[in-house]
Amino acid sequence: MTSSVLFLITSDPRTSARPAEAIRIAAGVGAWKKVDITVCLRGPAVLALGEYVDELVDEDNFVRYLPIIGEWGRPVFVPRGEPLLAGLGEATVAFEEIDEGRLAELAAHHHFVLRF
């Protein structure tokens, strides 16, 4: 059985390097194909999906590693109705809006949950 990890990223990428580092780690671990990776962005972390990330801390990690996560054929999950989604422009990867119940299911069905 393959282990699974949910990366729950909530930090503000405008002021913290944590979201960019979490994306880098998720892409790196997922590249091994020995762990099933799911990414959920909440709150200000959804800004990482935006077309223009040049004002975010460690923007190179978003530009380089977020497309790798997008290639896995699974969307990045975001909370339904997240207000910051409106100003993103064109999203760089596919995302799916989910409600709190679905997020709880995701957390319950993964072996590990890492929060950044």
PDB file of N, CA and C in Angstrom:
ATOM      1  N   MET A   1       0.843  -1.182   0.000  1.00  0.00           N
ATOM      2  CA  MET A   1       0.000   0.000   0.000  1.00  0.00           C
ATOM      3  C   MET A   1       0.883   1.239   0.000  1.00  0.00           C
ATOM      4  N   THR A   2       0.558   2.172  -0.871  1.00  0.00           N
ATOM      5  CA  THR A   2       1.294   3.423  -0.980  1.00  0.00           C
ATOM      6  C   THR A   2       0.853   4.388   0.114  1.00  0.00           C
ATOM      7  N   SER A   3       1.814   5.013   0.767  1.00  0.00           N
ATOM      8  CA  SER A   3       1.491   6.038   1.761  1.00  0.00           C
ATOM      9  C   SER A   3       0.961   7.271   1.048  1.00  0.00           C
ATOM     10  N   SER A   4       0.167   8.046   1.762  1.00  0.00           N
ATOM     11  CA  SER A   4      -0.388   9.270   1.190  1.00  0.00           C
ATOM     12  C   SER A   4      -0.169  10.435   2.140  1.00  0.00           C
ATOM     13  N   VAL A   5       0.099  11.598   1.550  1.00  0.00           N
ATOM     14  CA  VAL A   5       0.368  12.803   2.330  1.00  0.00           C
ATOM     15  C   VAL A   5      -0.486  13.940   1.787  1.00  0.00           C
ATOM     16  N   LEU A   6      -1.182  14.615   2.687  1.00  0.00           N
ATOM     17  CA  LEU A   6      -1.924  15.824   2.350  1.00  0.00           C
ATOM     18  C   LEU A   6      -1.098  17.017   2.802  1.00  0.00           C
ATOM     19  N   PHE A   7      -0.716  17.873   1.856  1.00  0.00           N
ATOM     20  CA  PHE A   7      -0.029  19.115   2.162  1.00  0.00           C
ATOM     21  C   PHE A   7      -1.099  20.190   2.308  1.00  0.00           C
ATOM     22  N   LEU A   8      -1.311  20.664   3.516  1.00  0.00           N
ATOM     23  CA  LEU A   8      -2.286  21.710   3.805  1.00  0.00           C
ATOM     24  C   LEU A   8      -1.498  23.006   3.996  1.00  0.00           C
ATOM     25  N   ILE A   9      -1.600  23.892   3.013  1.00  0.00           N
ATOM     26  CA  ILE A   9      -0.774  25.100   3.004  1.00  0.00           C
ATOM     27  C   ILE A   9      -1.666  26.304   3.272  1.00  0.00           C
ATOM     28  N   THR A  10      -1.389  27.011   4.374  1.00  0.00           N
ATOM     29  CA  THR A  10      -2.235  28.126   4.797  1.00  0.00           C
ATOM     30  C   THR A  10      -1.461  29.428   5.002  1.00  0.00           C
ATOM     31  N   SER A  11      -0.144  29.369   5.032  1.00  0.00           N
ATOM     32  CA  SER A  11       0.659  30.565   5.289  1.00  0.00           C
ATOM     33  C   SER A  11       0.534  31.558   4.139  1.00  0.00           C
ATOM     34  N   ASP A  12       0.790  32.812   4.436  1.00  0.00           N
ATOM     35  CA  ASP A  12       0.674  33.884   3.453  1.00  0.00           C
ATOM     36  C   ASP A  12       1.963  33.973   2.624  1.00  0.00           C
ATOM     37  N   PRO A  13       1.906  33.661   1.331  1.00  0.00           N
ATOM     38  CA  PRO A  13       3.114  33.693   0.509  1.00  0.00           C
ATOM     39  C   PRO A  13       3.639  35.101   0.223  1.00  0.00           C
ATOM     40  N   ARG A  14       2.893  36.127   0.619  1.00  0.00           N
ATOM     41  CA  ARG A  14       3.382  37.497   0.460  1.00  0.00           C
ATOM     42  C   ARG A  14       4.385  37.854   1.538  1.00  0.00           C
ATOM     43  N   THR A  15       4.338  37.130   2.674  1.00  0.00           N
ATOM     44  CA  THR A  15       5.207  37.459   3.805  1.00  0.00           C
ATOM     45  C   THR A  15       6.022  36.284   4.330  1.00  0.00           C
ATOM     46  N   SER A  16       5.764  35.087   3.844  1.00  0.00           N
ATOM     47  CA  SER A  16       6.423  33.892   4.362  1.00  0.00           C
ATOM     48  C   SER A  16       6.914  33.003   3.225  1.00  0.00           C
ATOM     49  N   ALA A  17       8.063  32.371   3.439  1.00  0.00           N
ATOM     50  CA  ALA A  17       8.606  31.424   2.466  1.00  0.00           C
ATOM     51  C   ALA A  17       8.016  30.030   2.640  1.00  0.00           C
ATOM     52  N   ARG A  18       7.243  29.828   3.699  1.00  0.00           N
ATOM     53  CA  ARG A  18       6.698  28.494   3.982  1.00  0.00           C
ATOM     54  C   ARG A  18       5.854  27.916   2.841  1.00  0.00           C
ATOM     55  N   PRO A  19       4.954  28.678   2.222  1.00  0.00           N
ATOM     56  CA  PRO A  19       4.163  28.089   1.131  1.00  0.00           C
ATOM     57  C   PRO A  19       5.029  27.652  -0.060  1.00  0.00           C
ATOM     58  N   ALA A  20       6.001  28.463  -0.431  1.00  0.00           N
ATOM     59  CA  ALA A  20       6.876  28.106  -1.547  1.00  0.00           C
ATOM     60  C   ALA A  20       7.696  26.866  -1.216  1.00  0.00           C
ATOM     61  N   GLU A  21       8.165  26.778   0.000  1.00  0.00           N
ATOM     62  CA  GLU A  21       8.936  25.611   0.428  1.00  0.00           C
ATOM     63  C   GLU A  21       8.054  24.370   0.462  1.00  0.00           C
ATOM     64  N   ALA A  22       6.816  24.516   0.888  1.00  0.00           N
ATOM     65  CA  ALA A  22       5.889  23.380   0.912  1.00  0.00           C
ATOM     66  C   ALA A  22       5.634  22.863  -0.500  1.00  0.00           C
ATOM     67  N   ILE A  23       5.460  23.760  -1.458  1.00  0.00           N
ATOM     68  CA  ILE A  23       5.260  23.360  -2.851  1.00  0.00           C
ATOM     69  C   ILE A  23       6.500  22.637  -3.373  1.00  0.00           C
ATOM     70  N   ARG A  24       7.672  23.149  -3.050  1.00  0.00           N
ATOM     71  CA  ARG A  24       8.921  22.519  -3.474  1.00  0.00           C
ATOM     72  C   ARG A  24       9.052  21.112  -2.901  1.00  0.00           C
ATOM     73  N   ILE A  25       8.738  20.966  -1.626  1.00  0.00           N
ATOM     74  CA  ILE A  25       8.827  19.655  -0.974  1.00  0.00           C
ATOM     75  C   ILE A  25       7.802  18.690  -1.574  1.00  0.00           C
ATOM     76  N   ALA A  26       6.575  19.156  -1.759  1.00  0.00           N
ATOM     77  CA  ALA A  26       5.532  18.297  -2.332  1.00  0.00           C
ATOM     78  C   ALA A  26       5.938  17.794  -3.712  1.00  0.00           C
ATOM     79  N   ALA A  27       6.447  18.679  -4.553  1.00  0.00           N
ATOM     80  CA  ALA A  27       6.869  18.281  -5.897  1.00  0.00           C
ATOM     81  C   ALA A  27       8.032  17.296  -5.836  1.00  0.00           C
ATOM     82  N   GLY A  28       8.957  17.535  -4.938  1.00  0.00           N
ATOM     83  CA  GLY A  28      10.115  16.648  -4.803  1.00  0.00           C
ATOM     84  C   GLY A  28       9.744  15.266  -4.313  1.00  0.00           C
ATOM     85  N   VAL A  29       8.913  15.199  -3.293  1.00  0.00           N
ATOM     86  CA  VAL A  29       8.487  13.903  -2.753  1.00  0.00           C
ATOM     87  C   VAL A  29       7.606  13.174  -3.767  1.00  0.00           C
ATOM     88  N   GLY A  30       6.739  13.906  -4.430  1.00  0.00           N
ATOM     89  CA  GLY A  30       5.863  13.299  -5.424  1.00  0.00           C
ATOM     90  C   GLY A  30       6.617  12.748  -6.619  1.00  0.00           C
ATOM     91  N   ALA A  31       7.765  13.321  -6.931  1.00  0.00           N
ATOM     92  CA  ALA A  31       8.562  12.852  -8.063  1.00  0.00           C
ATOM     93  C   ALA A  31       9.066  11.429  -7.855  1.00  0.00           C
ATOM     94  N   TRP A  32       9.185  11.004  -6.608  1.00  0.00           N
ATOM     95  CA  TRP A  32       9.637   9.634  -6.317  1.00  0.00           C
ATOM     96  C   TRP A  32       8.597   8.599  -6.745  1.00  0.00           C
ATOM     97  N   LYS A  33       7.320   9.038  -6.794  1.00  0.00           N
ATOM     98  CA  LYS A  33       6.189   8.158  -7.123  1.00  0.00           C
ATOM     99  C   LYS A  33       6.052   6.992  -6.146  1.00  0.00           C
ATOM    100  N   LYS A  34       6.513   7.210  -4.926  1.00  0.00           N
ATOM    101  CA  LYS A  34       6.361   6.199  -3.876  1.00  0.00           C
ATOM    102  C   LYS A  34       5.384   6.663  -2.815  1.00  0.00           C
ATOM    103  N   VAL A  35       4.960   7.929  -2.926  1.00  0.00           N
ATOM    104  CA  VAL A  35       4.017   8.520  -1.984  1.00  0.00           C
ATOM    105  C   VAL A  35       2.961   9.265  -2.799  1.00  0.00           C
ATOM    106  N   ASP A  36       1.706   9.068  -2.430  1.00  0.00           N
ATOM    107  CA  ASP A  36       0.605   9.769  -3.098  1.00  0.00           C
ATOM    108  C   ASP A  36       0.456  11.144  -2.443  1.00  0.00           C
ATOM    109  N   ILE A  37       0.614  12.209  -3.223  1.00  0.00           N
ATOM    110  CA  ILE A  37       0.612  13.580  -2.708  1.00  0.00           C
ATOM    111  C   ILE A  37      -0.665  14.300  -3.129  1.00  0.00           C
ATOM    112  N   THR A  38      -1.286  14.992  -2.168  1.00  0.00           N
ATOM    113  CA  THR A  38      -2.424  15.873  -2.431  1.00  0.00           C
ATOM    114  C   THR A  38      -2.082  17.230  -1.839  1.00  0.00           C
ATOM    115  N   VAL A  39      -2.418  18.297  -2.560  1.00  0.00           N
ATOM    116  CA  VAL A  39      -2.122  19.654  -2.100  1.00  0.00           C
ATOM    117  C   VAL A  39      -3.427  20.423  -1.941  1.00  0.00           C
ATOM    118  N   CYS A  40      -3.571  21.091  -0.799  1.00  0.00           N
ATOM    119  CA  CYS A  40      -4.712  21.960  -0.539  1.00  0.00           C
ATOM    120  C   CYS A  40      -4.171  23.318  -0.101  1.00  0.00           C
ATOM    121  N   LEU A  41      -4.605  24.362  -0.787  1.00  0.00           N
ATOM    122  CA  LEU A  41      -4.229  25.733  -0.435  1.00  0.00           C
ATOM    123  C   LEU A  41      -5.424  26.421   0.202  1.00  0.00           C
ATOM    124  N   ARG A  42      -5.215  27.080   1.337  1.00  0.00           N
ATOM    125  CA  ARG A  42      -6.297  27.774   2.045  1.00  0.00           C
ATOM    126  C   ARG A  42      -5.878  29.190   2.376  1.00  0.00           C
ATOM    127  N   GLY A  43      -6.859  30.062   2.475  1.00  0.00           N
ATOM    128  CA  GLY A  43      -6.592  31.448   2.856  1.00  0.00           C
ATOM    129  C   GLY A  43      -5.654  32.110   1.864  1.00  0.00           C
ATOM    130  N   PRO A  44      -4.702  32.913   2.356  1.00  0.00           N
ATOM    131  CA  PRO A  44      -3.833  33.644   1.442  1.00  0.00           C
ATOM    132  C   PRO A  44      -2.928  32.743   0.597  1.00  0.00           C
ATOM    133  N   ALA A  45      -2.771  31.489   0.985  1.00  0.00           N
ATOM    134  CA  ALA A  45      -1.926  30.575   0.210  1.00  0.00           C
ATOM    135  C   ALA A  45      -2.455  30.351  -1.204  1.00  0.00           C
ATOM    136  N   VAL A  46      -3.746  30.600  -1.436  1.00  0.00           N
ATOM    137  CA  VAL A  46      -4.293  30.426  -2.793  1.00  0.00           C
ATOM    138  C   VAL A  46      -3.655  31.393  -3.795  1.00  0.00           C
ATOM    139  N   LEU A  47      -3.017  32.440  -3.312  1.00  0.00           N
ATOM    140  CA  LEU A  47      -2.342  33.379  -4.206  1.00  0.00           C
ATOM    141  C   LEU A  47      -1.243  32.693  -5.021  1.00  0.00           C
ATOM    142  N   ALA A  48      -0.746  31.567  -4.542  1.00  0.00           N
ATOM    143  CA  ALA A  48       0.287  30.820  -5.266  1.00  0.00           C
ATOM    144  C   ALA A  48      -0.219  30.300  -6.604  1.00  0.00           C
ATOM    145  N   LEU A  49      -1.524  30.165  -6.756  1.00  0.00           N
ATOM    146  CA  LEU A  49      -2.101  29.671  -8.007  1.00  0.00           C
ATOM    147  C   LEU A  49      -2.146  30.746  -9.086  1.00  0.00           C
ATOM    148  N   GLY A  50      -1.903  31.972  -8.709  1.00  0.00           N
ATOM    149  CA  GLY A  50      -2.082  33.095  -9.622  1.00  0.00           C
ATOM    150  C   GLY A  50      -1.109  33.124 -10.779  1.00  0.00           C
ATOM    151  N   GLU A  51      -1.522  33.851 -11.759  1.00  0.00           N
ATOM    152  CA  GLU A  51      -0.741  34.036 -12.984  1.00  0.00           C
ATOM    153  C   GLU A  51       0.536  34.838 -12.707  1.00  0.00           C
ATOM    154  N   TYR A  52       0.448  35.770 -11.762  1.00  0.00           N
ATOM    155  CA  TYR A  52       1.578  36.639 -11.456  1.00  0.00           C
ATOM    156  C   TYR A  52       1.999  36.424 -10.007  1.00  0.00           C
ATOM    157  N   VAL A  53       3.081  35.688  -9.814  1.00  0.00           N
ATOM    158  CA  VAL A  53       3.548  35.385  -8.463  1.00  0.00           C
ATOM    159  C   VAL A  53       4.838  36.123  -8.131  1.00  0.00           C
ATOM    160  N   ASP A  54       5.203  37.089  -8.971  1.00  0.00           N
ATOM    161  CA  ASP A  54       6.474  37.776  -8.796  1.00  0.00           C
ATOM    162  C   ASP A  54       6.569  38.596  -7.514  1.00  0.00           C
ATOM    163  N   GLU A  55       5.468  38.871  -6.850  1.00  0.00           N
ATOM    164  CA  GLU A  55       5.518  39.619  -5.590  1.00  0.00           C
ATOM    165  C   GLU A  55       5.444  38.700  -4.370  1.00  0.00           C
ATOM    166  N   LEU A  56       5.466  37.388  -4.599  1.00  0.00           N
ATOM    167  CA  LEU A  56       5.418  36.426  -3.502  1.00  0.00           C
ATOM    168  C   LEU A  56       6.840  36.045  -3.089  1.00  0.00           C
ATOM    169  N   VAL A  57       7.013  35.689  -1.820  1.00  0.00           N
ATOM    170  CA  VAL A  57       8.315  35.276  -1.319  1.00  0.00           C
ATOM    171  C   VAL A  57       8.714  33.962  -2.008  1.00  0.00           C
ATOM    172  N   ASP A  58       9.940  33.889  -2.475  1.00  0.00           N
ATOM    173  CA  ASP A  58      10.472  32.704  -3.181  1.00  0.00           C
ATOM    174  C   ASP A  58       9.604  32.302  -4.366  1.00  0.00           C
ATOM    175  N   GLU A  59       9.229  33.292  -5.167  1.00  0.00           N
ATOM    176  CA  GLU A  59       8.342  33.044  -6.306  1.00  0.00           C
ATOM    177  C   GLU A  59       8.890  32.002  -7.268  1.00  0.00           C
ATOM    178  N   ASP A  60      10.205  31.835  -7.334  1.00  0.00           N
ATOM    179  CA  ASP A  60      10.791  30.838  -8.232  1.00  0.00           C
ATOM    180  C   ASP A  60      10.302  29.425  -7.917  1.00  0.00           C
ATOM    181  N   ASN A  61      10.087  29.138  -6.644  1.00  0.00           N
ATOM    182  CA  ASN A  61       9.579  27.813  -6.282  1.00  0.00           C
ATOM    183  C   ASN A  61       8.172  27.578  -6.833  1.00  0.00           C
ATOM    184  N   PHE A  62       7.345  28.606  -6.846  1.00  0.00           N
ATOM    185  CA  PHE A  62       5.998  28.455  -7.411  1.00  0.00           C
ATOM    186  C   PHE A  62       6.088  28.245  -8.923  1.00  0.00           C
ATOM    187  N   VAL A  63       6.924  29.039  -9.572  1.00  0.00           N
ATOM    188  CA  VAL A  63       7.061  28.956 -11.029  1.00  0.00           C
ATOM    189  C   VAL A  63       7.640  27.604 -11.443  1.00  0.00           C
ATOM    190  N   ARG A  64       8.594  27.121 -10.709  1.00  0.00           N
ATOM    191  CA  ARG A  64       9.287  25.886 -11.071  1.00  0.00           C
ATOM    192  C   ARG A  64       8.525  24.632 -10.651  1.00  0.00           C
ATOM    193  N   TYR A  65       7.952  24.610  -9.443  1.00  0.00           N
ATOM    194  CA  TYR A  65       7.438  23.357  -8.891  1.00  0.00           C
ATOM    195  C   TYR A  65       5.927  23.189  -8.954  1.00  0.00           C
ATOM    196  N   LEU A  66       5.169  24.263  -8.990  1.00  0.00           N
ATOM    197  CA  LEU A  66       3.717  24.121  -9.070  1.00  0.00           C
ATOM    198  C   LEU A  66       3.282  23.432 -10.365  1.00  0.00           C
ATOM    199  N   PRO A  67       3.895  23.725 -11.515  1.00  0.00           N
ATOM    200  CA  PRO A  67       3.520  22.991 -12.729  1.00  0.00           C
ATOM    201  C   PRO A  67       3.782  21.481 -12.627  1.00  0.00           C
ATOM    202  N   ILE A  68       4.810  21.085 -11.891  1.00  0.00           N
ATOM    203  CA  ILE A  68       5.078  19.653 -11.690  1.00  0.00           C
ATOM    204  C   ILE A  68       3.910  19.016 -10.961  1.00  0.00           C
ATOM    205  N   ILE A  69       3.405  19.689  -9.934  1.00  0.00           N
ATOM    206  CA  ILE A  69       2.253  19.183  -9.194  1.00  0.00           C
ATOM    207  C   ILE A  69       1.033  19.110 -10.114  1.00  0.00           C
ATOM    208  N   GLY A  70       0.883  20.096 -10.987  1.00  0.00           N
ATOM    209  CA  GLY A  70      -0.230  20.112 -11.925  1.00  0.00           C
ATOM    210  C   GLY A  70      -0.190  18.972 -12.930  1.00  0.00           C
ATOM    211  N   GLU A  71       0.987  18.458 -13.214  1.00  0.00           N
ATOM    212  CA  GLU A  71       1.140  17.359 -14.170  1.00  0.00           C
ATOM    213  C   GLU A  71       0.683  16.009 -13.622  1.00  0.00           C
ATOM    214  N   TRP A  72       0.417  15.931 -12.338  1.00  0.00           N
ATOM    215  CA  TRP A  72       0.035  14.649 -11.742  1.00  0.00           C
ATOM    216  C   TRP A  72      -1.400  14.250 -12.076  1.00  0.00           C
ATOM    217  N   GLY A  73      -2.148  15.129 -12.760  1.00  0.00           N
ATOM    218  CA  GLY A  73      -3.510  14.791 -13.150  1.00  0.00           C
ATOM    219  C   GLY A  73      -4.529  14.930 -12.041  1.00  0.00           C
ATOM    220  N   ARG A  74      -4.148  15.567 -10.971  1.00  0.00           N
ATOM    221  CA  ARG A  74      -5.045  15.805  -9.840  1.00  0.00           C
ATOM    222  C   ARG A  74      -5.042  17.299  -9.568  1.00  0.00           C
ATOM    223  N   PRO A  75      -6.210  17.871  -9.303  1.00  0.00           N
ATOM    224  CA  PRO A  75      -6.227  19.314  -9.038  1.00  0.00           C
ATOM    225  C   PRO A  75      -5.649  19.649  -7.663  1.00  0.00           C
ATOM    226  N   VAL A  76      -5.258  20.889  -7.524  1.00  0.00           N
ATOM    227  CA  VAL A  76      -4.945  21.445  -6.208  1.00  0.00           C
ATOM    228  C   VAL A  76      -6.298  21.832  -5.614  1.00  0.00           C
ATOM    229  N   PHE A  77      -6.527  21.512  -4.361  1.00  0.00           N
ATOM    230  CA  PHE A  77      -7.810  21.806  -3.726  1.00  0.00           C
ATOM    231  C   PHE A  77      -7.758  23.147  -3.003  1.00  0.00           C
ATOM    232  N   VAL A  78      -8.854  23.896  -3.105  1.00  0.00           N
ATOM    233  CA  VAL A  78      -9.007  25.180  -2.417  1.00  0.00           C
ATOM    234  C   VAL A  78     -10.410  25.241  -1.821  1.00  0.00           C
ATOM    235  N   PRO A  79     -10.607  26.012  -0.747  1.00  0.00           N
ATOM    236  CA  PRO A  79     -11.943  26.115  -0.159  1.00  0.00           C
ATOM    237  C   PRO A  79     -12.939  26.771  -1.116  1.00  0.00           C
ATOM    238  N   ARG A  80     -14.124  26.244  -1.149  1.00  0.00           N
ATOM    239  CA  ARG A  80     -15.187  26.811  -1.979  1.00  0.00           C
ATOM    240  C   ARG A  80     -15.459  28.248  -1.546  1.00  0.00           C
ATOM    241  N   GLY A  81     -15.521  29.132  -2.537  1.00  0.00           N
ATOM    242  CA  GLY A  81     -15.851  30.530  -2.260  1.00  0.00           C
ATOM    243  C   GLY A  81     -14.704  31.357  -1.714  1.00  0.00           C
ATOM    244  N   GLU A  82     -13.486  30.876  -1.815  1.00  0.00           N
ATOM    245  CA  GLU A  82     -12.330  31.636  -1.311  1.00  0.00           C
ATOM    246  C   GLU A  82     -12.271  32.991  -2.024  1.00  0.00           C
ATOM    247  N   PRO A  83     -12.388  34.111  -1.281  1.00  0.00           N
ATOM    248  CA  PRO A  83     -12.455  35.432  -1.913  1.00  0.00           C
ATOM    249  C   PRO A  83     -11.206  35.812  -2.718  1.00  0.00           C
ATOM    250  N   LEU A  84     -10.046  35.327  -2.328  1.00  0.00           N
ATOM    251  CA  LEU A  84      -8.821  35.701  -3.029  1.00  0.00           C
ATOM    252  C   LEU A  84      -8.713  35.068  -4.421  1.00  0.00           C
ATOM    253  N   LEU A  85      -9.542  34.076  -4.711  1.00  0.00           N
ATOM    254  CA  LEU A  85      -9.511  33.455  -6.039  1.00  0.00           C
ATOM    255  C   LEU A  85      -9.930  34.425  -7.135  1.00  0.00           C
ATOM    256  N   ALA A  86     -10.781  35.371  -6.797  1.00  0.00           N
ATOM    257  CA  ALA A  86     -11.322  36.295  -7.790  1.00  0.00           C
ATOM    258  C   ALA A  86     -10.244  37.153  -8.466  1.00  0.00           C
ATOM    259  N   GLY A  87      -9.183  37.494  -7.761  1.00  0.00           N
ATOM    260  CA  GLY A  87      -8.168  38.377  -8.315  1.00  0.00           C
ATOM    261  C   GLY A  87      -6.926  37.679  -8.842  1.00  0.00           C
ATOM    262  N   LEU A  88      -6.983  36.374  -9.047  1.00  0.00           N
ATOM    263  CA  LEU A  88      -5.796  35.635  -9.451  1.00  0.00           C
ATOM    264  C   LEU A  88      -5.408  35.787 -10.918  1.00  0.00           C
ATOM    265  N   GLY A  89      -6.374  36.083 -11.746  1.00  0.00           N
ATOM    266  CA  GLY A  89      -6.108  36.026 -13.178  1.00  0.00           C
ATOM    267  C   GLY A  89      -6.226  34.581 -13.621  1.00  0.00           C
ATOM    268  N   GLU A  90      -5.393  34.168 -14.542  1.00  0.00           N
ATOM    269  CA  GLU A  90      -5.404  32.799 -15.057  1.00  0.00           C
ATOM    270  C   GLU A  90      -4.629  31.909 -14.086  1.00  0.00           C
ATOM    271  N   ALA A  91      -5.259  30.866 -13.569  1.00  0.00           N
ATOM    272  CA  ALA A  91      -4.578  29.946 -12.652  1.00  0.00           C
ATOM    273  C   ALA A  91      -3.518  29.154 -13.406  1.00  0.00           C
ATOM    274  N   THR A  92      -2.390  28.903 -12.765  1.00  0.00           N
ATOM    275  CA  THR A  92      -1.280  28.207 -13.411  1.00  0.00           C
ATOM    276  C   THR A  92      -1.462  26.696 -13.424  1.00  0.00           C
ATOM    277  N   VAL A  93      -2.294  26.158 -12.543  1.00  0.00           N
ATOM    278  CA  VAL A  93      -2.603  24.720 -12.514  1.00  0.00           C
ATOM    279  C   VAL A  93      -4.093  24.554 -12.263  1.00  0.00           C
ATOM    280  N   ALA A  94      -4.592  23.373 -12.594  1.00  0.00           N
ATOM    281  CA  ALA A  94      -6.000  23.086 -12.343  1.00  0.00           C
ATOM    282  C   ALA A  94      -6.253  23.041 -10.838  1.00  0.00           C
ATOM    283  N   PHE A  95      -7.378  23.625 -10.432  1.00  0.00           N
ATOM    284  CA  PHE A  95      -7.748  23.554  -9.023  1.00  0.00           C
ATOM    285  C   PHE A  95      -9.224  23.214  -8.925  1.00  0.00           C
ATOM    286  N   GLU A  96      -9.591  22.703  -7.764  1.00  0.00           N
ATOM    287  CA  GLU A  96     -10.980  22.326  -7.504  1.00  0.00           C
ATOM    288  C   GLU A  96     -11.404  22.933  -6.177  1.00  0.00           C
ATOM    289  N   GLU A  97     -12.544  23.580  -6.178  1.00  0.00           N
ATOM    290  CA  GLU A  97     -13.072  24.149  -4.946  1.00  0.00           C
ATOM    291  C   GLU A  97     -13.814  23.054  -4.180  1.00  0.00           C
ATOM    292  N   ILE A  98     -13.519  22.953  -2.890  1.00  0.00           N
ATOM    293  CA  ILE A  98     -14.158  21.937  -2.043  1.00  0.00           C
ATOM    294  C   ILE A  98     -14.697  22.595  -0.782  1.00  0.00           C
ATOM    295  N   ASP A  99     -15.654  21.938  -0.149  1.00  0.00           N
ATOM    296  CA  ASP A  99     -16.183  22.461   1.116  1.00  0.00           C
ATOM    297  C   ASP A  99     -15.416  21.840   2.286  1.00  0.00           C
ATOM    298  N   GLU A 100     -15.711  22.305   3.478  1.00  0.00           N
ATOM    299  CA  GLU A 100     -14.996  21.848   4.674  1.00  0.00           C
ATOM    300  C   GLU A 100     -15.165  20.349   4.914  1.00  0.00           C
ATOM    301  N   GLY A 101     -16.339  19.816   4.571  1.00  0.00           N
ATOM    302  CA  GLY A 101     -16.579  18.384   4.747  1.00  0.00           C
ATOM    303  C   GLY A 101     -15.657  17.543   3.878  1.00  0.00           C
ATOM    304  N   ARG A 102     -15.470  17.972   2.642  1.00  0.00           N
ATOM    305  CA  ARG A 102     -14.573  17.251   1.720  1.00  0.00           C
ATOM    306  C   ARG A 102     -13.133  17.353   2.199  1.00  0.00           C
ATOM    307  N   LEU A 103     -12.744  18.506   2.741  1.00  0.00           N
ATOM    308  CA  LEU A 103     -11.395  18.650   3.285  1.00  0.00           C
ATOM    309  C   LEU A 103     -11.192  17.699   4.460  1.00  0.00           C
ATOM    310  N   ALA A 104     -12.199  17.580   5.308  1.00  0.00           N
ATOM    311  CA  ALA A 104     -12.111  16.652   6.435  1.00  0.00           C
ATOM    312  C   ALA A 104     -11.956  15.212   5.935  1.00  0.00           C
ATOM    313  N   GLU A 105     -12.675  14.856   4.874  1.00  0.00           N
ATOM    314  CA  GLU A 105     -12.535  13.521   4.284  1.00  0.00           C
ATOM    315  C   GLU A 105     -11.122  13.299   3.762  1.00  0.00           C
ATOM    316  N   LEU A 106     -10.588  14.297   3.066  1.00  0.00           N
ATOM    317  CA  LEU A 106      -9.224  14.181   2.553  1.00  0.00           C
ATOM    318  C   LEU A 106      -8.236  13.945   3.692  1.00  0.00           C
ATOM    319  N   ALA A 107      -8.352  14.730   4.742  1.00  0.00           N
ATOM    320  CA  ALA A 107      -7.443  14.594   5.881  1.00  0.00           C
ATOM    321  C   ALA A 107      -7.580  13.217   6.527  1.00  0.00           C
ATOM    322  N   ALA A 108      -8.802  12.725   6.642  1.00  0.00           N
ATOM    323  CA  ALA A 108      -9.037  11.431   7.277  1.00  0.00           C
ATOM    324  C   ALA A 108      -8.507  10.265   6.450  1.00  0.00           C
ATOM    325  N   HIS A 109      -8.489  10.415   5.140  1.00  0.00           N
ATOM    326  CA  HIS A 109      -8.090   9.314   4.273  1.00  0.00           C
ATOM    327  C   HIS A 109      -6.606   9.318   3.890  1.00  0.00           C
ATOM    328  N   HIS A 110      -5.863  10.303   4.335  1.00  0.00           N
ATOM    329  CA  HIS A 110      -4.424  10.339   4.081  1.00  0.00           C
ATOM    330  C   HIS A 110      -3.683   9.810   5.309  1.00  0.00           C
ATOM    331  N   HIS A 111      -2.554   9.203   5.071  1.00  0.00           N
ATOM    332  CA  HIS A 111      -1.754   8.678   6.182  1.00  0.00           C
ATOM    333  C   HIS A 111      -1.123   9.810   6.996  1.00  0.00           C
ATOM    334  N   PHE A 112      -0.757  10.881   6.312  1.00  0.00           N
ATOM    335  CA  PHE A 112      -0.098  12.009   6.972  1.00  0.00           C
ATOM    336  C   PHE A 112      -0.691  13.312   6.467  1.00  0.00           C
ATOM    337  N   VAL A 113      -0.748  14.301   7.351  1.00  0.00           N
ATOM    338  CA  VAL A 113      -1.161  15.657   6.981  1.00  0.00           C
ATOM    339  C   VAL A 113      -0.040  16.588   7.437  1.00  0.00           C
ATOM    340  N   LEU A 114       0.528  17.328   6.480  1.00  0.00           N
ATOM    341  CA  LEU A 114       1.581  18.287   6.791  1.00  0.00           C
ATOM    342  C   LEU A 114       1.021  19.679   6.593  1.00  0.00           C
ATOM    343  N   ARG A 115       1.113  20.505   7.616  1.00  0.00           N
ATOM    344  CA  ARG A 115       0.555  21.865   7.539  1.00  0.00           C
ATOM    345  C   ARG A 115       1.681  22.877   7.505  1.00  0.00           C
ATOM    346  N   PHE A 116       1.610  23.741   6.525  1.00  0.00           N
ATOM    347  CA  PHE A 116       2.627  24.786   6.354  1.00  0.00           C
ATOM    348  C   PHE A 116       1.976  26.147   6.444  1.00  0.00           C
TER     349      PHE A 116
END
